Structure formats: structure tokens, C-alpha cells
C-alpha atoms as a PDB file:
ATOM      1  CA  UNK A   1       1.445  12.345  22.432  1.00  0.00           C
ATOM      2  CA  UNK A   2       2.140  16.020  24.434  1.00  0.00           C
ATOM      3  CA  UNK A   3      -0.145  13.937  28.026  1.00  0.00           C
ATOM      4  CA  UNK A   4       1.337  10.490  27.221  1.00  0.00           C
ATOM      5  CA  UNK A   5       4.619  12.471  27.921  1.00  0.00           C
ATOM      6  CA  UNK A   6       3.461  14.452  30.734  1.00  0.00           C
ATOM      7  CA  UNK A   7       3.007  11.443  32.232  1.00  0.00           C
ATOM      8  CA  UNK A   8       6.800   9.965  31.709  1.00  0.00           C
ATOM      9  CA  UNK A   9       7.673  13.368  32.728  1.00  0.00           C
ATOM     10  CA  UNK A  10       9.226  13.703  29.707  1.00  0.00           C
ATOM     11  CA  UNK A  11       9.132  16.151  27.063  1.00  0.00           C
ATOM     12  CA  UNK A  12       7.724  15.942  23.100  1.00  0.00           C
ATOM     13  CA  UNK A  13      11.116  15.456  21.840  1.00  0.00           C
ATOM     14  CA  UNK A  14      12.464  13.303  24.909  1.00  0.00           C
ATOM     15  CA  UNK A  15       9.403  11.005  24.851  1.00  0.00           C
ATOM     16  CA  UNK A  16       9.576  10.222  21.103  1.00  0.00           C
ATOM     17  CA  UNK A  17      13.247   9.113  21.188  1.00  0.00           C
ATOM     18  CA  UNK A  18      12.012   6.842  23.758  1.00  0.00           C
ATOM     19  CA  UNK A  19       9.638   5.070  21.519  1.00  0.00           C
ATOM     20  CA  UNK A  20      12.107   5.031  18.441  1.00  0.00           C
ATOM     21  CA  UNK A  21      14.327   3.358  21.385  1.00  0.00           C
ATOM     22  CA  UNK A  22      14.622  -0.477  21.143  1.00  0.00           C
ATOM     23  CA  UNK A  23      12.830  -0.494  18.096  1.00  0.00           C
ATOM     24  CA  UNK A  24      15.478   1.522  15.745  1.00  0.00           C
ATOM     25  CA  UNK A  25      18.084  -1.180  15.284  1.00  0.00           C
ATOM     26  CA  UNK A  26      19.821  -1.942  12.087  1.00  0.00           C
ATOM     27  CA  UNK A  27      18.394  -5.102  10.844  1.00  0.00           C
ATOM     28  CA  UNK A  28      14.878  -3.342  11.481  1.00  0.00           C
ATOM     29  CA  UNK A  29      15.878  -0.263   8.957  1.00  0.00           C
ATOM     30  CA  UNK A  30      17.050  -3.257   6.358  1.00  0.00           C
ATOM     31  CA  UNK A  31      13.795  -4.867   6.872  1.00  0.00           C
ATOM     32  CA  UNK A  32      11.756  -1.444   6.429  1.00  0.00           C
ATOM     33  CA  UNK A  33      14.383  -1.065   3.548  1.00  0.00           C
ATOM     34  CA  UNK A  34      13.032  -4.354   2.125  1.00  0.00           C
ATOM     35  CA  UNK A  35       9.221  -3.267   2.851  1.00  0.00           C
ATOM     36  CA  UNK A  36       9.215  -0.663   0.658  1.00  0.00           C
ATOM     37  CA  UNK A  37       8.947  -0.444  -3.135  1.00  0.00           C
ATOM     38  CA  UNK A  38      12.479   1.077  -3.415  1.00  0.00           C
ATOM     39  CA  UNK A  39      14.836  -1.538  -2.440  1.00  0.00           C
ATOM     40  CA  UNK A  40      17.501   0.106  -3.756  1.00  0.00           C
ATOM     41  CA  UNK A  41      16.561   4.185  -3.526  1.00  0.00           C
ATOM     42  CA  UNK A  42      14.445   6.785  -1.741  1.00  0.00           C
ATOM     43  CA  UNK A  43      12.905   9.040  -3.166  1.00  0.00           C
ATOM     44  CA  UNK A  44      12.361  13.161  -1.976  1.00  0.00           C
ATOM     45  CA  UNK A  45       9.865  14.718  -3.411  1.00  0.00           C
ATOM     46  CA  UNK A  46      11.637  18.677  -4.036  1.00  0.00           C
ATOM     47  CA  UNK A  47      10.525  20.835  -7.672  1.00  0.00           C
ATOM     48  CA  UNK A  48      10.363  17.316  -9.094  1.00  0.00           C
ATOM     49  CA  UNK A  49      10.989  12.929  -8.075  1.00  0.00           C
ATOM     50  CA  UNK A  50      14.979  12.470  -7.119  1.00  0.00           C
ATOM     51  CA  UNK A  51      15.308   8.658  -5.614  1.00  0.00           C
ATOM     52  CA  UNK A  52      18.895   8.529  -3.201  1.00  0.00           C
ATOM     53  CA  UNK A  53      20.265   5.359  -3.450  1.00  0.00           C
ATOM     54  CA  UNK A  54      19.706   3.662  -0.684  1.00  0.00           C
ATOM     55  CA  UNK A  55      23.516   3.121   1.144  1.00  0.00           C
ATOM     56  CA  UNK A  56      24.393   6.612   0.287  1.00  0.00           C
ATOM     57  CA  UNK A  57      24.040   9.227   3.320  1.00  0.00           C
ATOM     58  CA  UNK A  58      21.133  11.265   1.891  1.00  0.00           C
ATOM     59  CA  UNK A  59      19.399   8.380   1.365  1.00  0.00           C
ATOM     60  CA  UNK A  60      20.286   6.865   5.266  1.00  0.00           C
ATOM     61  CA  UNK A  61      18.425   9.950   6.367  1.00  0.00           C
ATOM     62  CA  UNK A  62      15.653   9.539   4.139  1.00  0.00           C
ATOM     63  CA  UNK A  63      15.503   5.961   5.453  1.00  0.00           C
ATOM     64  CA  UNK A  64      15.874   6.940   9.066  1.00  0.00           C
ATOM     65  CA  UNK A  65      13.206   9.382   8.816  1.00  0.00           C
ATOM     66  CA  UNK A  66      10.694   7.517   7.199  1.00  0.00           C
ATOM     67  CA  UNK A  67      10.849   4.919   9.351  1.00  0.00           C
ATOM     68  CA  UNK A  68      10.184   7.429  12.124  1.00  0.00           C
ATOM     69  CA  UNK A  69       7.663   9.009  10.486  1.00  0.00           C
ATOM     70  CA  UNK A  70       5.581   5.183  10.485  1.00  0.00           C
ATOM     71  CA  UNK A  71       6.634   3.770  13.853  1.00  0.00           C
ATOM     72  CA  UNK A  72       4.749   7.381  14.748  1.00  0.00           C
ATOM     73  CA  UNK A  73       1.986   6.539  13.545  1.00  0.00           C
ATOM     74  CA  UNK A  74       1.594   3.047  14.507  1.00  0.00           C
ATOM     75  CA  UNK A  75       1.428   4.846  18.441  1.00  0.00           C
ATOM     76  CA  UNK A  76      -0.736   8.011  17.488  1.00  0.00           C
ATOM     77  CA  UNK A  77      -2.884   5.150  15.884  1.00  0.00           C
ATOM     78  CA  UNK A  78      -2.776   3.762  19.227  1.00  0.00           C
ATOM     79  CA  UNK A  79      -3.562   6.598  21.179  1.00  0.00           C
ATOM     80  CA  UNK A  80      -6.567   7.205  19.300  1.00  0.00           C
ATOM     81  CA  UNK A  81      -8.314   4.004  19.609  1.00  0.00           C
ATOM     82  CA  UNK A  82      -7.304   4.001  23.409  1.00  0.00           C
ATOM     83  CA  UNK A  83      -8.579   7.108  24.494  1.00  0.00           C
ATOM     84  CA  UNK A  84     -11.382   7.817  21.348  1.00  0.00           C
ATOM     85  CA  UNK A  85     -10.045  10.779  20.399  1.00  0.00           C
ATOM     86  CA  UNK A  86     -12.009  13.002  18.833  1.00  0.00           C
ATOM     87  CA  UNK A  87     -10.467  15.100  16.170  1.00  0.00           C
ATOM     88  CA  UNK A  88     -12.654  18.380  15.182  1.00  0.00           C
ATOM     89  CA  UNK A  89     -10.199  19.921  12.924  1.00  0.00           C
ATOM     90  CA  UNK A  90     -10.544  18.619   9.342  1.00  0.00           C
ATOM     91  CA  UNK A  91      -7.775  18.125   7.135  1.00  0.00           C
ATOM     92  CA  UNK A  92      -6.976  19.994   3.679  1.00  0.00           C
ATOM     93  CA  UNK A  93      -9.426  18.154   0.975  1.00  0.00           C
ATOM     94  CA  UNK A  94      -6.501  16.521  -1.161  1.00  0.00           C
ATOM     95  CA  UNK A  95      -6.992  17.166  -4.257  1.00  0.00           C
ATOM     96  CA  UNK A  96      -8.402  15.220  -7.226  1.00  0.00           C
ATOM     97  CA  UNK A  97      -5.901  12.972  -9.783  1.00  0.00           C
ATOM     98  CA  UNK A  98      -7.467  11.072 -12.630  1.00  0.00           C
ATOM     99  CA  UNK A  99      -5.229   9.051 -14.116  1.00  0.00           C
ATOM    100  CA  UNK A 100      -7.020   7.286 -17.054  1.00  0.00           C
ATOM    101  CA  UNK A 101      -6.382   3.696 -18.241  1.00  0.00           C
ATOM    102  CA  UNK A 102      -4.930   1.930 -15.914  1.00  0.00           C
ATOM    103  CA  UNK A 103      -4.909  -2.074 -14.767  1.00  0.00           C
ATOM    104  CA  UNK A 104      -7.558  -1.754 -12.135  1.00  0.00           C
ATOM    105  CA  UNK A 105      -9.463  -4.910 -11.118  1.00  0.00           C
ATOM    106  CA  UNK A 106     -12.894  -4.451  -8.865  1.00  0.00           C
ATOM    107  CA  UNK A 107     -14.539  -6.253  -6.654  1.00  0.00           C
ATOM    108  CA  UNK A 108     -17.437  -5.450  -4.459  1.00  0.00           C
ATOM    109  CA  UNK A 109     -20.321  -3.180  -5.451  1.00  0.00           C
ATOM    110  CA  UNK A 110     -19.549  -2.085  -9.305  1.00  0.00           C
ATOM    111  CA  UNK A 111     -22.390   0.303  -9.782  1.00  0.00           C
ATOM    112  CA  UNK A 112     -21.099   2.202  -6.740  1.00  0.00           C
ATOM    113  CA  UNK A 113     -20.155   5.381  -7.377  1.00  0.00           C
ATOM    114  CA  UNK A 114     -17.523   5.483  -4.342  1.00  0.00           C
ATOM    115  CA  UNK A 115     -14.904   3.772  -5.570  1.00  0.00           C
ATOM    116  CA  UNK A 116     -11.276   2.783  -3.075  1.00  0.00           C
ATOM    117  CA  UNK A 117      -8.117   2.239  -4.833  1.00  0.00           C
ATOM    118  CA  UNK A 118      -5.467   0.275  -3.413  1.00  0.00           C
ATOM    119  CA  UNK A 119      -2.087   1.087  -4.745  1.00  0.00           C
ATOM    120  CA  UNK A 120      -0.434  -1.754  -3.853  1.00  0.00           C
ATOM    121  CA  UNK A 121       3.042  -4.262  -4.595  1.00  0.00           C
ATOM    122  CA  UNK A 122       2.583  -7.675  -3.765  1.00  0.00           C
ATOM    123  CA  UNK A 123       6.154  -7.591  -3.223  1.00  0.00           C
ATOM    124  CA  UNK A 124       6.129  -5.157  -0.343  1.00  0.00           C
ATOM    125  CA  UNK A 125       5.697  -6.288   3.377  1.00  0.00           C
ATOM    126  CA  UNK A 126       3.723  -3.550   4.356  1.00  0.00           C
ATOM    127  CA  UNK A 127       1.048  -3.950   1.393  1.00  0.00           C
ATOM    128  CA  UNK A 128       0.908  -7.375   2.952  1.00  0.00           C
ATOM    129  CA  UNK A 129       0.107  -6.497   6.901  1.00  0.00           C
ATOM    130  CA  UNK A 130      -2.230  -3.920   5.526  1.00  0.00           C
ATOM    131  CA  UNK A 131      -3.788  -6.437   2.954  1.00  0.00           C
ATOM    132  CA  UNK A 132      -5.740  -8.187   6.639  1.00  0.00           C
ATOM    133  CA  UNK A 133      -7.408  -4.386   7.266  1.00  0.00           C
ATOM    134  CA  UNK A 134      -8.407  -3.774   4.084  1.00  0.00           C
ATOM    135  CA  UNK A 135     -10.026  -7.402   3.446  1.00  0.00           C
ATOM    136  CA  UNK A 136     -12.033  -6.360   6.566  1.00  0.00           C
ATOM    137  CA  UNK A 137     -12.767  -3.015   5.139  1.00  0.00           C
ATOM    138  CA  UNK A 138     -14.048  -5.137   2.094  1.00  0.00           C
ATOM    139  CA  UNK A 139     -16.489  -7.687   3.863  1.00  0.00           C
ATOM    140  CA  UNK A 140     -17.939  -4.573   5.892  1.00  0.00           C
ATOM    141  CA  UNK A 141     -19.066  -2.557   2.940  1.00  0.00           C
ATOM    142  CA  UNK A 142     -18.757  -4.743  -0.324  1.00  0.00           C
ATOM    143  CA  UNK A 143     -22.743  -3.984  -0.741  1.00  0.00           C
ATOM    144  CA  UNK A 144     -21.827   0.007  -0.568  1.00  0.00           C
ATOM    145  CA  UNK A 145     -18.278   0.502  -2.181  1.00  0.00           C
ATOM    146  CA  UNK A 146     -16.329  -0.559  -5.809  1.00  0.00           C
ATOM    147  CA  UNK A 147     -12.902  -1.935  -4.121  1.00  0.00           C
ATOM    148  CA  UNK A 148     -10.249  -1.813  -7.013  1.00  0.00           C
ATOM    149  CA  UNK A 149      -6.556  -3.352  -6.849  1.00  0.00           C
ATOM    150  CA  UNK A 150      -3.418  -1.223  -9.213  1.00  0.00           C
ATOM    151  CA  UNK A 151      -0.053  -2.853  -9.304  1.00  0.00           C
ATOM    152  CA  UNK A 152       2.696  -0.411  -8.441  1.00  0.00           C
ATOM    153  CA  UNK A 153       6.856  -0.701  -7.635  1.00  0.00           C
ATOM    154  CA  UNK A 154      10.115   0.271  -8.793  1.00  0.00           C
ATOM    155  CA  UNK A 155       9.842  -3.119 -10.828  1.00  0.00           C
ATOM    156  CA  UNK A 156       7.822  -6.037 -12.908  1.00  0.00           C
ATOM    157  CA  UNK A 157       8.054  -8.424  -9.857  1.00  0.00           C
ATOM    158  CA  UNK A 158       6.568 -12.107 -11.129  1.00  0.00           C
ATOM    159  CA  UNK A 159       3.772 -11.866  -8.832  1.00  0.00           C
ATOM    160  CA  UNK A 160       2.249  -8.965 -10.382  1.00  0.00           C
ATOM    161  CA  UNK A 161       2.797 -10.981 -13.625  1.00  0.00           C
ATOM    162  CA  UNK A 162       1.228 -14.023 -11.668  1.00  0.00           C
ATOM    163  CA  UNK A 163      -1.780 -11.699 -10.777  1.00  0.00           C
ATOM    164  CA  UNK A 164      -2.318 -10.642 -14.854  1.00  0.00           C
ATOM    165  CA  UNK A 165      -1.688 -13.991 -16.198  1.00  0.00           C
ATOM    166  CA  UNK A 166      -4.647 -15.556 -13.607  1.00  0.00           C
ATOM    167  CA  UNK A 167      -6.484 -12.534 -14.807  1.00  0.00           C
ATOM    168  CA  UNK A 168      -6.709 -13.495 -18.046  1.00  0.00           C
ATOM    169  CA  UNK A 169      -8.380 -16.945 -16.748  1.00  0.00           C
ATOM    170  CA  UNK A 170     -10.854 -15.090 -14.691  1.00  0.00           C
ATOM    171  CA  UNK A 171      -8.764 -15.364 -11.506  1.00  0.00           C
ATOM    172  CA  UNK A 172      -7.078 -12.222 -10.577  1.00  0.00           C
ATOM    173  CA  UNK A 173      -8.659 -11.805  -6.567  1.00  0.00           C
ATOM    174  CA  UNK A 174      -7.572 -15.733  -6.471  1.00  0.00           C
ATOM    175  CA  UNK A 175      -4.375 -15.080  -6.951  1.00  0.00           C
ATOM    176  CA  UNK A 176      -4.392 -12.065  -5.680  1.00  0.00           C
ATOM    177  CA  UNK A 177      -5.624 -13.431  -1.919  1.00  0.00           C
ATOM    178  CA  UNK A 178      -2.783 -16.543  -2.605  1.00  0.00           C
ATOM    179  CA  UNK A 179       0.134 -14.433  -2.885  1.00  0.00           C
ATOM    180  CA  UNK A 180      -1.039 -11.687   0.061  1.00  0.00           C
ATOM    181  CA  UNK A 181      -1.667 -14.950   1.900  1.00  0.00           C
ATOM    182  CA  UNK A 182       2.154 -16.204   1.337  1.00  0.00           C
ATOM    183  CA  UNK A 183       4.376 -16.554   4.265  1.00  0.00           C
ATOM    184  CA  UNK A 184       6.956 -15.886   2.206  1.00  0.00           C
ATOM    185  CA  UNK A 185       7.193 -13.634  -1.129  1.00  0.00           C
ATOM    186  CA  UNK A 186       6.438 -16.231  -3.498  1.00  0.00           C
ATOM    187  CA  UNK A 187       8.997 -17.395  -6.123  1.00  0.00           C
ATOM    188  CA  UNK A 188       8.054 -17.786  -9.939  1.00  0.00           C
ATOM    189  CA  UNK A 189       8.206 -22.204  -8.748  1.00  0.00           C
ATOM    190  CA  UNK A 190       5.584 -20.987  -5.627  1.00  0.00           C
ATOM    191  CA  UNK A 191       3.275 -18.951  -8.773  1.00  0.00           C
ATOM    192  CA  UNK A 192       3.295 -22.103 -10.792  1.00  0.00           C
ATOM    193  CA  UNK A 193       1.711 -24.199  -8.057  1.00  0.00           C
ATOM    194  CA  UNK A 194      -1.075 -21.452  -6.892  1.00  0.00           C
ATOM    195  CA  UNK A 195      -2.301 -21.278 -10.737  1.00  0.00           C
ATOM    196  CA  UNK A 196      -2.290 -25.126 -10.582  1.00  0.00           C
ATOM    197  CA  UNK A 197      -4.008 -25.390  -7.425  1.00  0.00           C
ATOM    198  CA  UNK A 198      -6.996 -22.916  -8.671  1.00  0.00           C
ATOM    199  CA  UNK A 199      -6.754 -25.154 -11.218  1.00  0.00           C
ATOM    200  CA  UNK A 200      -6.169 -23.019 -13.937  1.00  0.00           C
ATOM    201  CA  UNK A 201      -5.250 -23.836 -17.582  1.00  0.00           C
ATOM    202  CA  UNK A 202      -1.360 -24.324 -16.986  1.00  0.00           C
ATOM    203  CA  UNK A 203      -0.567 -24.440 -20.927  1.00  0.00           C
ATOM    204  CA  UNK A 204      -1.969 -20.816 -20.789  1.00  0.00           C
ATOM    205  CA  UNK A 205      -0.316 -19.952 -17.631  1.00  0.00           C
ATOM    206  CA  UNK A 206       2.871 -20.188 -18.816  1.00  0.00           C
ATOM    207  CA  UNK A 207       2.068 -19.000 -22.149  1.00  0.00           C
ATOM    208  CA  UNK A 208       1.510 -15.715 -20.842  1.00  0.00           C
ATOM    209  CA  UNK A 209       3.986 -15.761 -18.577  1.00  0.00           C
ATOM    210  CA  UNK A 210       6.619 -15.065 -20.827  1.00  0.00           C
ATOM    211  CA  UNK A 211       4.227 -13.096 -22.662  1.00  0.00           C
ATOM    212  CA  UNK A 212       6.458  -9.038 -23.152  1.00  0.00           C
ATOM    213  CA  UNK A 213       2.571  -7.867 -23.628  1.00  0.00           C
ATOM    214  CA  UNK A 214       1.648  -8.231 -20.308  1.00  0.00           C
ATOM    215  CA  UNK A 215       5.368  -6.938 -18.574  1.00  0.00           C
ATOM    216  CA  UNK A 216       5.552  -4.109 -20.542  1.00  0.00           C
ATOM    217  CA  UNK A 217       1.588  -3.117 -19.828  1.00  0.00           C
ATOM    218  CA  UNK A 218       2.588  -3.146 -15.539  1.00  0.00           C
ATOM    219  CA  UNK A 219       5.296  -0.953 -16.654  1.00  0.00           C
ATOM    220  CA  UNK A 220       3.426   0.849 -18.837  1.00  0.00           C
ATOM    221  CA  UNK A 221       1.027   1.073 -15.575  1.00  0.00           C
ATOM    222  CA  UNK A 222       3.457   1.906 -12.792  1.00  0.00           C
ATOM    223  CA  UNK A 223       5.232   4.986 -15.148  1.00  0.00           C
ATOM    224  CA  UNK A 224       1.252   6.648 -14.748  1.00  0.00           C
ATOM    225  CA  UNK A 225       1.293   5.965 -11.292  1.00  0.00           C
ATOM    226  CA  UNK A 226       4.911   7.377 -10.794  1.00  0.00           C
ATOM    227  CA  UNK A 227       4.200  10.611 -13.249  1.00  0.00           C
ATOM    228  CA  UNK A 228       1.018  11.608 -11.840  1.00  0.00           C
ATOM    229  CA  UNK A 229       2.979  11.798  -7.823  1.00  0.00           C
ATOM    230  CA  UNK A 230       2.112   8.100  -6.321  1.00  0.00           C
ATOM    231  CA  UNK A 231       6.358   6.770  -5.096  1.00  0.00           C
ATOM    232  CA  UNK A 232       5.161   4.401  -2.570  1.00  0.00           C
ATOM    233  CA  UNK A 233       2.781   1.892  -1.628  1.00  0.00           C
ATOM    234  CA  UNK A 234      -0.252   1.152   0.149  1.00  0.00           C
ATOM    235  CA  UNK A 235      -1.048   4.392  -1.038  1.00  0.00           C
ATOM    236  CA  UNK A 236      -4.894   4.845  -0.849  1.00  0.00           C
ATOM    237  CA  UNK A 237      -7.117   7.118  -3.096  1.00  0.00           C
ATOM    238  CA  UNK A 238     -10.887   7.472  -2.505  1.00  0.00           C
ATOM    239  CA  UNK A 239     -13.288   8.608  -5.211  1.00  0.00           C
ATOM    240  CA  UNK A 240      -9.756   9.737  -6.642  1.00  0.00           C
ATOM    241  CA  UNK A 241      -8.732  11.799  -4.058  1.00  0.00           C
ATOM    242  CA  UNK A 242      -5.020  10.600  -2.308  1.00  0.00           C
ATOM    243  CA  UNK A 243      -5.740  10.073   1.932  1.00  0.00           C
ATOM    244  CA  UNK A 244      -2.573  10.842   2.912  1.00  0.00           C
ATOM    245  CA  UNK A 245      -1.427   8.793   5.549  1.00  0.00           C
ATOM    246  CA  UNK A 246      -2.513   5.769   4.937  1.00  0.00           C
ATOM    247  CA  UNK A 247      -0.808   3.443   7.042  1.00  0.00           C
ATOM    248  CA  UNK A 248      -3.875   5.312   9.498  1.00  0.00           C
ATOM    249  CA  UNK A 249      -6.383   2.859   9.456  1.00  0.00           C
ATOM    250  CA  UNK A 250      -8.750   5.772  11.726  1.00  0.00           C
ATOM    251  CA  UNK A 251      -7.963   7.777   8.963  1.00  0.00           C
ATOM    252  CA  UNK A 252      -9.038   5.213   6.252  1.00  0.00           C
ATOM    253  CA  UNK A 253     -12.406   4.258   7.474  1.00  0.00           C
ATOM    254  CA  UNK A 254     -13.369   7.276   8.354  1.00  0.00           C
ATOM    255  CA  UNK A 255     -12.624   9.193   4.407  1.00  0.00           C
ATOM    256  CA  UNK A 256     -14.612   6.626   3.290  1.00  0.00           C
ATOM    257  CA  UNK A 257     -17.184   6.868   5.858  1.00  0.00           C
ATOM    258  CA  UNK A 258     -18.074  10.111   4.482  1.00  0.00           C
ATOM    259  CA  UNK A 259     -17.776   9.036   0.861  1.00  0.00           C
ATOM    260  CA  UNK A 260     -20.506   6.622   1.336  1.00  0.00           C
ATOM    261  CA  UNK A 261     -22.601   8.924   3.626  1.00  0.00           C
ATOM    262  CA  UNK A 262     -22.625  11.644   1.239  1.00  0.00           C
ATOM    263  CA  UNK A 263     -24.533   9.605  -1.715  1.00  0.00           C
ATOM    264  CA  UNK A 264     -26.982   7.546   1.005  1.00  0.00           C
END
């Protein structure tokens, strides 16, 4: 970052501000807010988790801080890729987080000692964008890693319910792909159309879609994750260890390779 700033004869602070210029607009902030799992509140971790109304002064400050961090992470990743930077100082090892009885759907090598869990939200645009990378990662390491998906958001979405209804008929991942490949967040009509295209039993799907037990099960999943300190998506865990920067593709793949090498 310092070298890039020097090239433009700017201080690091001035260079950062130049990165934000033109990218931070009212529209981009609104879109970023929509892309998070908290469309109406912004979480802040103090002694406990505190939620600030999105339209409050504190909520706007937190949202701006997170959006700037997101933009900086993207830029730093682009620098690492362009200059092939090697970081010798290892980040602190994240503690293990054990969360029991989650709704997790797995694919890949189900017997692998390496588990890659994505905590995601079908209604989150950032999750949708990251899913493209995660699919590439899956295709590359599916013979060596057990890949899992679990739901998290501030509410129980129709998409999450539809995926669980599809899971009851053995087609969770097919519905997962249909939802993430859609151009926009699907409404209930679109979800039923997807189910029909997957040749599901539509009578059973309709009954399950209205089944309160499924939505309650998803809600319980959200509460368990929140109690463990998860408050954003997408969040990645590899062998029960949180990745500090889940927006960094480089960090995700690096940690995954390290875990694979440990067992080989």
C-alpha cells in the first residue's frame, strides 16, 4: 500500500481516500447495506453484540467503515495477485469454534478430515458473488475436502426454506445452485418454478414450504450461529476455525491448502 501511494506521491491516508473516491456514493452504500445480512441494523461487537439502526448516525458510521474495509480488502487482494507478494509473518491461529446440531449440507469427499464450511445467505449479493469462487474451489479440491453449507441471516428467507424443502427430496445442492445462479433474488413464484424444473414432487414441496417446523429449524440454526459470535455472511470455517478475512480469496485458499497438507 505504501509503495502504491509513493508512486502517486501521496500519503497512505491520501491514497486510501483516492481509492474510495468515486466508489462511495449514496447508491453504492445502499447496495452494500442490501448485500449484508442486516438490511435494517448494523452489528457492533462490544462486550456483547449490539445492533444499531441502519439509519442512525452510529449505524451509518459502522456501515461506512465496513464498506471502506471491503473496498480496501479487494484492492489489497489485487495487489497480492499482481505482484505475487509473499507474507512471511503468519496471522494468529484462530480458535476453534464448535457449534453443535447445525443444519449442514455436505458434498465432495464426505470422508475427508478437512471440512470447509461456508456460512451463507441466499439473499446476500456478496454471498452470491463469492459463490462463483467457491464453486471453482470445490471443483479443484472436491476429492480432498468435505464442503458444507449452512444458513445464516437476520431472518428466515423463502430461499432458505425452499432449499430445505428440496433437501427433503434429496436435491439441496441442485436448489442451492439454482438460487445462486438466478439473476435476482428469487421470489416464492420463482422458487416454485425452480422446484418444478428440478422435477421435485410439487405437492410435497408445497406442503413442506408451508411447514412451520422447517422455518423454526432454520431460525434455530441462525440463533446458534449468532450465539457463537457469527454475525455476517459469507463466513468461512475450515476445520472449525474461522477465517479472519472471509472476503480474501487468497487467504481462504491458502488456509485450505495448509489444512490439506497436514493430513497428506
